[in-house]
Amino acid sequence: MKRQLSRSDYVIHQFDTALRSLIPNAAKSQRNHPVGKVEDLAFDTHERRHTAGLMRTNHLISVFNQGLYQGQSATAALPHSRLQMEQSAAEAFDHLAWCEERLMQLNSRTSHFTPLFYASAYAAGALSGLTSDRLSLGMVAASQEVAGKHFELQQARLIEGDQRSQALLRQMATDEAHHAHQAIEAGGLRFPAPIKWGMRFVAQGLTKGAYYF
């Protein structure tokens, strides 16, 4: 029988999740790595920096998603909504771990904007959760759809033949589409297309600096 968490247990869990999201290499993947035994490319300096910039941006989006999940799970009123956030957050940790591992392989690092993105996403998630579970789940669905589209577009920007990064982004895009579907099935509000277009535009602008920093 699963023990019910006390308030202090929950606070500790939230703090632990934040640390694992923000501290490099603290996130651990629970699933097999999508890359498998694919050989890496012999990058030149420019290609390595370009690929690292793309993966840094992808990592930052995964950090934002993690913050959003945690903020929403902290304020969700219905148990099934909170469970949905926690399940999605668990899979999102895989994305963090995969991106961080890829950045290490490229002799690079995560973005300096990571704490800011996590904090802003947590605040947005908590606010939406306080408003209503339907809105909160709808925000998850819309944000995951936007993230999935981003990961799909990023694949076209990779260096030709970079199968390791391709496999990684392909799995991340699939996961985001699955999370979006789950959130709608759980009762999430379907955001209209113009709002999702606006979210995509804002996300592109905010993450642009992560390519370099």
C-alpha atoms as a PDB file:
ATOM      1  CA  MET A   1       0.000   0.000   0.000  1.00  0.00           C
ATOM      2  CA  LYS A   2       1.429   3.366  -1.025  1.00  0.00           C
ATOM      3  CA  ARG A   3       1.971   5.772   1.874  1.00  0.00           C
ATOM      4  CA  GLN A   4       0.201   9.106   1.537  1.00  0.00           C
ATOM      5  CA  LEU A   5       2.697  11.968   1.420  1.00  0.00           C
ATOM      6  CA  SER A   6       2.561  14.580   4.164  1.00  0.00           C
ATOM      7  CA  ARG A   7       2.881  18.276   3.413  1.00  0.00           C
ATOM      8  CA  SER A   8       6.550  18.244   4.426  1.00  0.00           C
ATOM      9  CA  ASP A   9       7.163  15.171   2.245  1.00  0.00           C
ATOM     10  CA  TYR A  10       5.639  16.986  -0.701  1.00  0.00           C
ATOM     11  CA  VAL A  11       7.741  20.113  -0.126  1.00  0.00           C
ATOM     12  CA  ILE A  12      10.901  17.971   0.016  1.00  0.00           C
ATOM     13  CA  HIS A  13       9.849  16.222  -3.193  1.00  0.00           C
ATOM     14  CA  GLN A  14       9.309  19.557  -4.951  1.00  0.00           C
ATOM     15  CA  PHE A  15      12.688  20.828  -3.776  1.00  0.00           C
ATOM     16  CA  ASP A  16      14.416  17.628  -4.895  1.00  0.00           C
ATOM     17  CA  THR A  17      12.748  17.865  -8.312  1.00  0.00           C
ATOM     18  CA  ALA A  18      13.872  21.468  -8.718  1.00  0.00           C
ATOM     19  CA  LEU A  19      17.464  20.553  -7.874  1.00  0.00           C
ATOM     20  CA  ARG A  20      17.481  17.652 -10.334  1.00  0.00           C
ATOM     21  CA  SER A  21      16.108  19.992 -13.012  1.00  0.00           C
ATOM     22  CA  LEU A  22      18.633  22.758 -12.410  1.00  0.00           C
ATOM     23  CA  ILE A  23      21.876  21.018 -11.446  1.00  0.00           C
ATOM     24  CA  PRO A  24      23.752  19.693 -14.502  1.00  0.00           C
ATOM     25  CA  ASN A  25      23.820  15.891 -14.795  1.00  0.00           C
ATOM     26  CA  ALA A  26      21.526  15.432 -11.774  1.00  0.00           C
ATOM     27  CA  ALA A  27      18.598  14.190 -13.892  1.00  0.00           C
ATOM     28  CA  LYS A  28      18.627  10.450 -14.543  1.00  0.00           C
ATOM     29  CA  SER A  29      16.817   8.676 -17.372  1.00  0.00           C
ATOM     30  CA  GLN A  30      14.365   5.925 -16.429  1.00  0.00           C
ATOM     31  CA  ARG A  31      14.107   4.583 -19.989  1.00  0.00           C
ATOM     32  CA  ASN A  32      16.582   3.157 -22.437  1.00  0.00           C
ATOM     33  CA  HIS A  33      18.399   5.814 -24.400  1.00  0.00           C
ATOM     34  CA  PRO A  34      16.752   6.248 -27.851  1.00  0.00           C
ATOM     35  CA  VAL A  35      20.142   6.517 -29.559  1.00  0.00           C
ATOM     36  CA  GLY A  36      21.272   2.987 -28.776  1.00  0.00           C
ATOM     37  CA  LYS A  37      24.630   2.096 -30.358  1.00  0.00           C
ATOM     38  CA  VAL A  38      24.540   4.667 -33.161  1.00  0.00           C
ATOM     39  CA  GLU A  39      28.019   5.938 -34.023  1.00  0.00           C
ATOM     40  CA  ASP A  40      28.678   9.642 -33.527  1.00  0.00           C
ATOM     41  CA  LEU A  41      29.904  11.971 -36.252  1.00  0.00           C
ATOM     42  CA  ALA A  42      33.400  13.409 -36.412  1.00  0.00           C
ATOM     43  CA  PHE A  43      32.363  17.057 -36.045  1.00  0.00           C
ATOM     44  CA  ASP A  44      34.559  19.982 -36.935  1.00  0.00           C
ATOM     45  CA  THR A  45      34.601  22.956 -34.552  1.00  0.00           C
ATOM     46  CA  HIS A  46      31.762  24.846 -36.251  1.00  0.00           C
ATOM     47  CA  GLU A  47      29.536  21.766 -36.522  1.00  0.00           C
ATOM     48  CA  ARG A  48      30.104  20.878 -32.873  1.00  0.00           C
ATOM     49  CA  ARG A  49      29.206  24.386 -31.702  1.00  0.00           C
ATOM     50  CA  HIS A  50      26.100  24.447 -33.899  1.00  0.00           C
ATOM     51  CA  THR A  51      24.876  21.085 -32.635  1.00  0.00           C
ATOM     52  CA  ALA A  52      25.586  22.069 -29.030  1.00  0.00           C
ATOM     53  CA  GLY A  53      23.600  25.278 -29.518  1.00  0.00           C
ATOM     54  CA  LEU A  54      20.606  23.339 -30.773  1.00  0.00           C
ATOM     55  CA  MET A  55      20.775  20.818 -27.927  1.00  0.00           C
ATOM     56  CA  ARG A  56      21.156  23.626 -25.384  1.00  0.00           C
ATOM     57  CA  THR A  57      17.906  25.115 -26.683  1.00  0.00           C
ATOM     58  CA  ASN A  58      16.173  21.729 -26.530  1.00  0.00           C
ATOM     59  CA  HIS A  59      17.362  21.231 -22.962  1.00  0.00           C
ATOM     60  CA  LEU A  60      15.992  24.638 -21.966  1.00  0.00           C
ATOM     61  CA  ILE A  61      12.566  23.782 -23.371  1.00  0.00           C
ATOM     62  CA  SER A  62      12.629  20.543 -21.381  1.00  0.00           C
ATOM     63  CA  VAL A  63      13.489  22.531 -18.249  1.00  0.00           C
ATOM     64  CA  PHE A  64      10.530  24.830 -18.911  1.00  0.00           C
ATOM     65  CA  ASN A  65       8.227  21.824 -19.302  1.00  0.00           C
ATOM     66  CA  GLN A  66       9.488  20.353 -16.039  1.00  0.00           C
ATOM     67  CA  GLY A  67       8.866  23.618 -14.186  1.00  0.00           C
ATOM     68  CA  LEU A  68       5.381  23.839 -15.692  1.00  0.00           C
ATOM     69  CA  TYR A  69       4.510  20.321 -14.563  1.00  0.00           C
ATOM     70  CA  GLN A  70       5.777  20.909 -11.041  1.00  0.00           C
ATOM     71  CA  GLY A  71       3.952  24.211 -10.640  1.00  0.00           C
ATOM     72  CA  GLN A  72       0.698  22.716 -11.865  1.00  0.00           C
ATOM     73  CA  SER A  73       0.947  19.573  -9.747  1.00  0.00           C
ATOM     74  CA  ALA A  74       1.494  21.778  -6.685  1.00  0.00           C
ATOM     75  CA  THR A  75      -1.836  23.568  -7.147  1.00  0.00           C
ATOM     76  CA  ALA A  76      -4.020  21.048  -9.015  1.00  0.00           C
ATOM     77  CA  ALA A  77      -7.272  20.484  -7.144  1.00  0.00           C
ATOM     78  CA  LEU A  78      -8.253  17.079  -8.545  1.00  0.00           C
ATOM     79  CA  PRO A  79      -6.136  13.979  -7.801  1.00  0.00           C
ATOM     80  CA  HIS A  80      -6.293  12.718 -11.404  1.00  0.00           C
ATOM     81  CA  SER A  81      -4.964  16.072 -12.665  1.00  0.00           C
ATOM     82  CA  ARG A  82      -2.072  15.987 -10.209  1.00  0.00           C
ATOM     83  CA  LEU A  83      -1.292  12.392 -11.188  1.00  0.00           C
ATOM     84  CA  GLN A  84      -1.257  13.375 -14.868  1.00  0.00           C
ATOM     85  CA  MET A  85       1.290  16.143 -14.167  1.00  0.00           C
ATOM     86  CA  GLU A  86       3.509  13.835 -12.120  1.00  0.00           C
ATOM     87  CA  GLN A  87       3.518  11.101 -14.775  1.00  0.00           C
ATOM     88  CA  SER A  88       4.405  13.585 -17.524  1.00  0.00           C
ATOM     89  CA  ALA A  89       7.114  15.130 -15.331  1.00  0.00           C
ATOM     90  CA  ALA A  90       8.705  11.718 -14.770  1.00  0.00           C
ATOM     91  CA  GLU A  91       9.069  11.186 -18.528  1.00  0.00           C
ATOM     92  CA  ALA A  92      10.279  14.766 -18.992  1.00  0.00           C
ATOM     93  CA  PHE A  93      13.254  13.958 -16.744  1.00  0.00           C
ATOM     94  CA  ASP A  94      14.387  11.553 -19.448  1.00  0.00           C
ATOM     95  CA  HIS A  95      14.569  14.491 -21.866  1.00  0.00           C
ATOM     96  CA  LEU A  96      16.705  16.476 -19.453  1.00  0.00           C
ATOM     97  CA  ALA A  97      19.069  13.556 -18.943  1.00  0.00           C
ATOM     98  CA  TRP A  98      19.351  12.837 -22.672  1.00  0.00           C
ATOM     99  CA  CYS A  99      20.029  16.474 -23.599  1.00  0.00           C
ATOM    100  CA  GLU A 100      22.615  16.871 -20.840  1.00  0.00           C
ATOM    101  CA  GLU A 101      24.386  13.690 -21.936  1.00  0.00           C
ATOM    102  CA  ARG A 102      24.436  14.912 -25.541  1.00  0.00           C
ATOM    103  CA  LEU A 103      25.873  18.263 -24.465  1.00  0.00           C
ATOM    104  CA  MET A 104      28.623  16.469 -22.544  1.00  0.00           C
ATOM    105  CA  GLN A 105      29.452  14.437 -25.653  1.00  0.00           C
ATOM    106  CA  LEU A 106      29.774  17.735 -27.529  1.00  0.00           C
ATOM    107  CA  ASN A 107      32.025  19.192 -24.806  1.00  0.00           C
ATOM    108  CA  SER A 108      29.442  21.851 -24.027  1.00  0.00           C
ATOM    109  CA  ARG A 109      27.091  22.950 -21.228  1.00  0.00           C
ATOM    110  CA  THR A 110      23.491  23.848 -20.454  1.00  0.00           C
ATOM    111  CA  SER A 111      22.124  27.384 -20.775  1.00  0.00           C
ATOM    112  CA  HIS A 112      22.772  30.137 -18.239  1.00  0.00           C
ATOM    113  CA  PHE A 113      19.029  30.900 -18.490  1.00  0.00           C
ATOM    114  CA  THR A 114      18.037  27.556 -16.954  1.00  0.00           C
ATOM    115  CA  PRO A 115      17.066  28.835 -13.450  1.00  0.00           C
ATOM    116  CA  LEU A 116      15.056  31.718 -14.915  1.00  0.00           C
ATOM    117  CA  PHE A 117      13.100  29.420 -17.227  1.00  0.00           C
ATOM    118  CA  TYR A 118      12.350  26.917 -14.478  1.00  0.00           C
ATOM    119  CA  ALA A 119      11.147  29.614 -12.072  1.00  0.00           C
ATOM    120  CA  SER A 120       8.944  31.361 -14.650  1.00  0.00           C
ATOM    121  CA  ALA A 121       7.449  28.062 -15.804  1.00  0.00           C
ATOM    122  CA  TYR A 122       6.770  26.979 -12.217  1.00  0.00           C
ATOM    123  CA  ALA A 123       4.977  30.259 -11.527  1.00  0.00           C
ATOM    124  CA  ALA A 124       2.901  29.984 -14.723  1.00  0.00           C
ATOM    125  CA  GLY A 125       2.010  26.378 -13.927  1.00  0.00           C
ATOM    126  CA  ALA A 126       1.028  27.141 -10.344  1.00  0.00           C
ATOM    127  CA  LEU A 127      -1.146  30.080 -11.456  1.00  0.00           C
ATOM    128  CA  SER A 128      -2.952  28.002 -14.080  1.00  0.00           C
ATOM    129  CA  GLY A 129      -3.487  25.245 -11.520  1.00  0.00           C
ATOM    130  CA  LEU A 130      -5.041  27.721  -9.104  1.00  0.00           C
ATOM    131  CA  THR A 131      -7.358  28.977 -11.843  1.00  0.00           C
ATOM    132  CA  SER A 132      -8.765  25.567 -12.853  1.00  0.00           C
ATOM    133  CA  ASP A 133      -7.609  22.045 -13.570  1.00  0.00           C
ATOM    134  CA  ARG A 134      -9.156  22.228 -17.036  1.00  0.00           C
ATOM    135  CA  LEU A 135      -7.095  25.292 -17.907  1.00  0.00           C
ATOM    136  CA  SER A 136      -4.008  23.741 -16.330  1.00  0.00           C
ATOM    137  CA  LEU A 137      -4.311  20.548 -18.382  1.00  0.00           C
ATOM    138  CA  GLY A 138      -5.056  22.621 -21.465  1.00  0.00           C
ATOM    139  CA  MET A 139      -1.848  24.575 -20.956  1.00  0.00           C
ATOM    140  CA  VAL A 140       0.057  21.302 -20.702  1.00  0.00           C
ATOM    141  CA  ALA A 141      -1.475  20.095 -23.961  1.00  0.00           C
ATOM    142  CA  ALA A 142      -0.720  23.333 -25.802  1.00  0.00           C
ATOM    143  CA  SER A 143       2.824  23.670 -24.447  1.00  0.00           C
ATOM    144  CA  GLN A 144       3.636  20.052 -25.283  1.00  0.00           C
ATOM    145  CA  GLU A 145       2.293  20.492 -28.798  1.00  0.00           C
ATOM    146  CA  VAL A 146       4.475  23.580 -29.222  1.00  0.00           C
ATOM    147  CA  ALA A 147       7.502  21.739 -27.808  1.00  0.00           C
ATOM    148  CA  GLY A 148       6.880  18.758 -30.084  1.00  0.00           C
ATOM    149  CA  LYS A 149       6.735  21.008 -33.158  1.00  0.00           C
ATOM    150  CA  HIS A 150       9.966  22.657 -32.048  1.00  0.00           C
ATOM    151  CA  PHE A 151      11.751  19.311 -31.731  1.00  0.00           C
ATOM    152  CA  GLU A 152      10.518  18.305 -35.194  1.00  0.00           C
ATOM    153  CA  LEU A 153      11.808  21.548 -36.745  1.00  0.00           C
ATOM    154  CA  GLN A 154      15.122  21.200 -34.932  1.00  0.00           C
ATOM    155  CA  GLN A 155      15.760  17.898 -36.674  1.00  0.00           C
ATOM    156  CA  ALA A 156      15.968  19.726 -39.999  1.00  0.00           C
ATOM    157  CA  ARG A 157      18.627  22.068 -38.573  1.00  0.00           C
ATOM    158  CA  LEU A 158      20.970  19.282 -37.492  1.00  0.00           C
ATOM    159  CA  ILE A 159      24.172  18.486 -39.339  1.00  0.00           C
ATOM    160  CA  GLU A 160      23.493  15.901 -42.050  1.00  0.00           C
ATOM    161  CA  GLY A 161      24.295  12.429 -40.799  1.00  0.00           C
ATOM    162  CA  ASP A 162      23.983  13.293 -37.083  1.00  0.00           C
ATOM    163  CA  GLN A 163      21.903  10.226 -36.309  1.00  0.00           C
ATOM    164  CA  ARG A 164      22.460  10.443 -32.540  1.00  0.00           C
ATOM    165  CA  SER A 165      20.813  13.850 -32.248  1.00  0.00           C
ATOM    166  CA  GLN A 166      18.138  12.883 -34.784  1.00  0.00           C
ATOM    167  CA  ALA A 167      17.103   9.829 -32.756  1.00  0.00           C
ATOM    168  CA  LEU A 168      17.022  11.886 -29.582  1.00  0.00           C
ATOM    169  CA  LEU A 169      14.817  14.646 -30.980  1.00  0.00           C
ATOM    170  CA  ARG A 170      12.549  12.170 -32.741  1.00  0.00           C
ATOM    171  CA  GLN A 171      11.791  10.406 -29.439  1.00  0.00           C
ATOM    172  CA  MET A 172      11.311  13.701 -27.611  1.00  0.00           C
ATOM    173  CA  ALA A 173       8.823  14.904 -30.256  1.00  0.00           C
ATOM    174  CA  THR A 174       6.913  11.608 -29.942  1.00  0.00           C
ATOM    175  CA  ASP A 175       6.791  11.929 -26.151  1.00  0.00           C
ATOM    176  CA  GLU A 176       5.490  15.497 -26.301  1.00  0.00           C
ATOM    177  CA  ALA A 177       2.696  14.510 -28.690  1.00  0.00           C
ATOM    178  CA  HIS A 178       1.753  11.703 -26.278  1.00  0.00           C
ATOM    179  CA  HIS A 179       1.734  14.074 -23.293  1.00  0.00           C
ATOM    180  CA  ALA A 180      -0.450  16.562 -25.179  1.00  0.00           C
ATOM    181  CA  HIS A 181      -2.941  13.818 -26.055  1.00  0.00           C
ATOM    182  CA  GLN A 182      -3.035  12.578 -22.458  1.00  0.00           C
ATOM    183  CA  ALA A 183      -3.724  16.074 -21.121  1.00  0.00           C
ATOM    184  CA  ILE A 184      -6.672  16.551 -23.489  1.00  0.00           C
ATOM    185  CA  GLU A 185      -8.027  13.093 -22.642  1.00  0.00           C
ATOM    186  CA  ALA A 186      -7.808  13.995 -18.945  1.00  0.00           C
ATOM    187  CA  GLY A 187     -10.156  16.930 -19.547  1.00  0.00           C
ATOM    188  CA  GLY A 188      -7.820  19.700 -20.676  1.00  0.00           C
ATOM    189  CA  LEU A 189      -9.121  22.745 -22.498  1.00  0.00           C
ATOM    190  CA  ARG A 190      -8.335  22.800 -26.223  1.00  0.00           C
ATOM    191  CA  PHE A 191      -6.540  26.071 -26.914  1.00  0.00           C
ATOM    192  CA  PRO A 192      -7.424  27.725 -30.250  1.00  0.00           C
ATOM    193  CA  ALA A 193      -4.789  27.757 -32.995  1.00  0.00           C
ATOM    194  CA  PRO A 194      -3.971  31.510 -32.706  1.00  0.00           C
ATOM    195  CA  ILE A 195      -3.015  31.081 -29.034  1.00  0.00           C
ATOM    196  CA  LYS A 196      -0.746  28.133 -29.866  1.00  0.00           C
ATOM    197  CA  TRP A 197       0.835  30.115 -32.705  1.00  0.00           C
ATOM    198  CA  GLY A 198       1.490  32.932 -30.222  1.00  0.00           C
ATOM    199  CA  MET A 199       3.005  30.501 -27.729  1.00  0.00           C
ATOM    200  CA  ARG A 200       5.280  29.133 -30.453  1.00  0.00           C
ATOM    201  CA  PHE A 201       6.397  32.630 -31.442  1.00  0.00           C
ATOM    202  CA  VAL A 202       7.151  33.572 -27.822  1.00  0.00           C
ATOM    203  CA  ALA A 203       9.013  30.274 -27.230  1.00  0.00           C
ATOM    204  CA  GLN A 204      11.199  30.851 -30.286  1.00  0.00           C
ATOM    205  CA  GLY A 205      12.074  34.346 -29.113  1.00  0.00           C
ATOM    206  CA  LEU A 206      12.817  33.355 -25.529  1.00  0.00           C
ATOM    207  CA  THR A 207      14.986  30.361 -26.409  1.00  0.00           C
ATOM    208  CA  LYS A 208      16.942  32.049 -29.201  1.00  0.00           C
ATOM    209  CA  GLY A 209      19.602  33.300 -26.792  1.00  0.00           C
ATOM    210  CA  ALA A 210      20.101  29.774 -25.393  1.00  0.00           C
ATOM    211  CA  TYR A 211      21.749  28.780 -28.675  1.00  0.00           C
ATOM    212  CA  TYR A 212      24.719  30.952 -27.656  1.00  0.00           C
ATOM    213  CA  PHE A 213      24.359  31.228 -23.876  1.00  0.00           C
END
